[in-house]
Amino acid sequence: MVNYYDKNRFISKSELARLADVSPRTFTRYLATRRHILDAMGISPNAKKLPPQAVRFLCEDYCIDLPPELQDQRALSASPIRDLIVASWKEEQEYLARRNCPKPKE
């Protein structure tokens, strides 16, 4: 999934852990391995919320897909990549419906 990061949104560490489907403690341990990078960004180890540039780095590094409500809606709606993904998904659903295949779990 392509993430369109909202340049004004701070996201908490616990929210990122939930999105990554790991415990907050596991995510904190992961952050400790990236401490030198976060220090270079000027982010305190005690910060509860992370600024947008840190969110972007962590999502790309840890492969976290942000849900649409946490993304920049203007960029998301204007994206040609999004249109291709939606069209491909609809095509796949139509193909599965024609073959009477069970729908994949979302």
Protein backbone atom coordinates (compact mmCIF):
# COMPACT_ATOMS: atom_id res chain seq x y z
CA MET A 1 0.00 0.00 0.00
CA VAL A 2 1.17 3.51 -0.75
CA ASN A 3 1.00 5.85 2.24
CA TYR A 4 0.24 9.54 1.74
CA TYR A 5 1.55 10.99 4.97
CA ASP A 6 -0.33 13.89 6.47
CA LYS A 7 2.36 16.53 7.03
CA ASN A 8 0.49 17.97 10.03
CA ARG A 9 -0.43 14.81 11.93
CA PHE A 10 1.45 13.56 14.98
CA ILE A 11 0.80 9.89 15.82
CA SER A 12 1.41 8.23 19.18
CA LYS A 13 3.85 5.38 19.59
CA SER A 14 1.08 3.16 20.94
CA GLU A 15 -1.05 3.85 17.85
CA LEU A 16 1.86 2.92 15.56
CA ALA A 17 2.37 -0.26 17.59
CA ARG A 18 -1.31 -1.13 17.13
CA LEU A 19 -1.09 -0.47 13.39
CA ALA A 20 2.03 -2.66 13.20
CA ASP A 21 0.10 -5.38 15.08
CA VAL A 22 2.75 -5.67 17.80
CA SER A 23 2.74 -4.92 21.51
CA PRO A 24 3.83 -1.47 22.67
CA ARG A 25 6.81 -3.07 24.40
CA THR A 26 7.94 -4.78 21.18
CA PHE A 27 7.57 -1.52 19.30
CA THR A 28 9.58 0.29 21.97
CA ARG A 29 12.36 -2.27 21.58
CA TYR A 30 12.29 -1.74 17.83
CA LEU A 31 12.51 2.04 18.37
CA ALA A 32 15.59 1.50 20.56
CA THR A 33 17.36 -0.03 17.55
CA ARG A 34 16.58 3.13 15.56
CA ARG A 35 17.50 5.54 18.37
CA HIS A 36 20.42 7.09 16.47
CA ILE A 37 18.12 7.99 13.56
CA LEU A 38 15.39 9.38 15.81
CA ASP A 39 18.02 11.38 17.75
CA ALA A 40 19.20 12.89 14.47
CA MET A 41 15.59 13.94 13.82
CA GLY A 42 15.53 15.64 17.22
CA ILE A 43 13.03 13.24 18.77
CA SER A 44 13.27 12.53 22.48
CA PRO A 45 13.15 8.89 23.64
CA ASN A 46 10.37 9.97 26.04
CA ALA A 47 8.17 11.51 23.34
CA LYS A 48 4.63 10.12 23.43
CA LYS A 49 3.66 11.39 19.98
CA LEU A 50 5.91 11.28 16.95
CA PRO A 51 6.14 14.07 14.38
CA PRO A 52 5.21 13.43 10.74
CA GLN A 53 8.80 12.92 9.50
CA ALA A 54 9.35 10.23 12.15
CA VAL A 55 6.00 8.58 11.33
CA ARG A 56 6.98 8.47 7.67
CA PHE A 57 10.38 6.93 8.41
CA LEU A 58 9.00 4.34 10.83
CA CYS A 59 6.13 3.33 8.53
CA GLU A 60 8.54 2.78 5.65
CA ASP A 61 11.15 1.05 7.80
CA TYR A 62 8.71 -1.24 9.66
CA CYS A 63 6.30 -1.66 6.69
CA ILE A 64 3.28 -0.17 8.45
CA ASP A 65 0.29 0.63 6.26
CA LEU A 66 -1.58 3.66 7.53
CA PRO A 67 -5.38 3.45 7.28
CA PRO A 68 -6.96 6.06 5.01
CA GLU A 69 -8.24 8.15 7.93
CA LEU A 70 -4.63 8.80 9.02
CA GLN A 71 -3.46 9.80 5.56
CA ASP A 72 -3.58 13.09 3.67
CA GLN A 73 -7.03 12.90 2.09
CA ARG A 74 -6.33 15.38 -0.72
CA ALA A 75 -3.26 13.45 -1.87
CA LEU A 76 -5.04 10.13 -1.41
CA SER A 77 -8.04 11.08 -3.53
CA ALA A 78 -5.89 12.62 -6.30
CA SER A 79 -3.56 9.64 -6.59
CA PRO A 80 -3.44 7.77 -9.91
CA ILE A 81 -1.87 4.80 -8.07
CA ARG A 82 -4.92 4.59 -5.81
CA ASP A 83 -7.19 4.51 -8.86
CA LEU A 84 -5.19 1.60 -10.31
CA ILE A 85 -5.29 -0.32 -7.04
CA VAL A 86 -9.06 0.17 -6.65
CA ALA A 87 -9.69 -0.85 -10.27
CA SER A 88 -7.51 -3.94 -9.86
CA TRP A 89 -9.31 -4.90 -6.64
CA LYS A 90 -12.73 -4.52 -8.29
CA GLU A 91 -11.58 -6.62 -11.25
CA GLU A 92 -10.38 -9.35 -8.89
CA GLN A 93 -13.70 -9.32 -6.99
CA GLU A 94 -15.66 -9.65 -10.25
CA TYR A 95 -13.44 -12.54 -11.35
CA LEU A 96 -13.94 -14.34 -8.03
CA ALA A 97 -17.70 -13.75 -8.20
CA ARG A 98 -17.85 -15.30 -11.69
CA ARG A 99 -15.94 -18.35 -10.49
CA ASN A 100 -18.02 -18.64 -7.29
CA CYS A 101 -14.89 -18.50 -5.17
CA PRO A 102 -15.18 -17.57 -1.52
CA LYS A 103 -14.31 -13.95 -0.82
CA PRO A 104 -10.90 -13.38 0.76
CA LYS A 105 -10.87 -12.20 4.37
CA GLU A 106 -10.19 -8.50 4.73
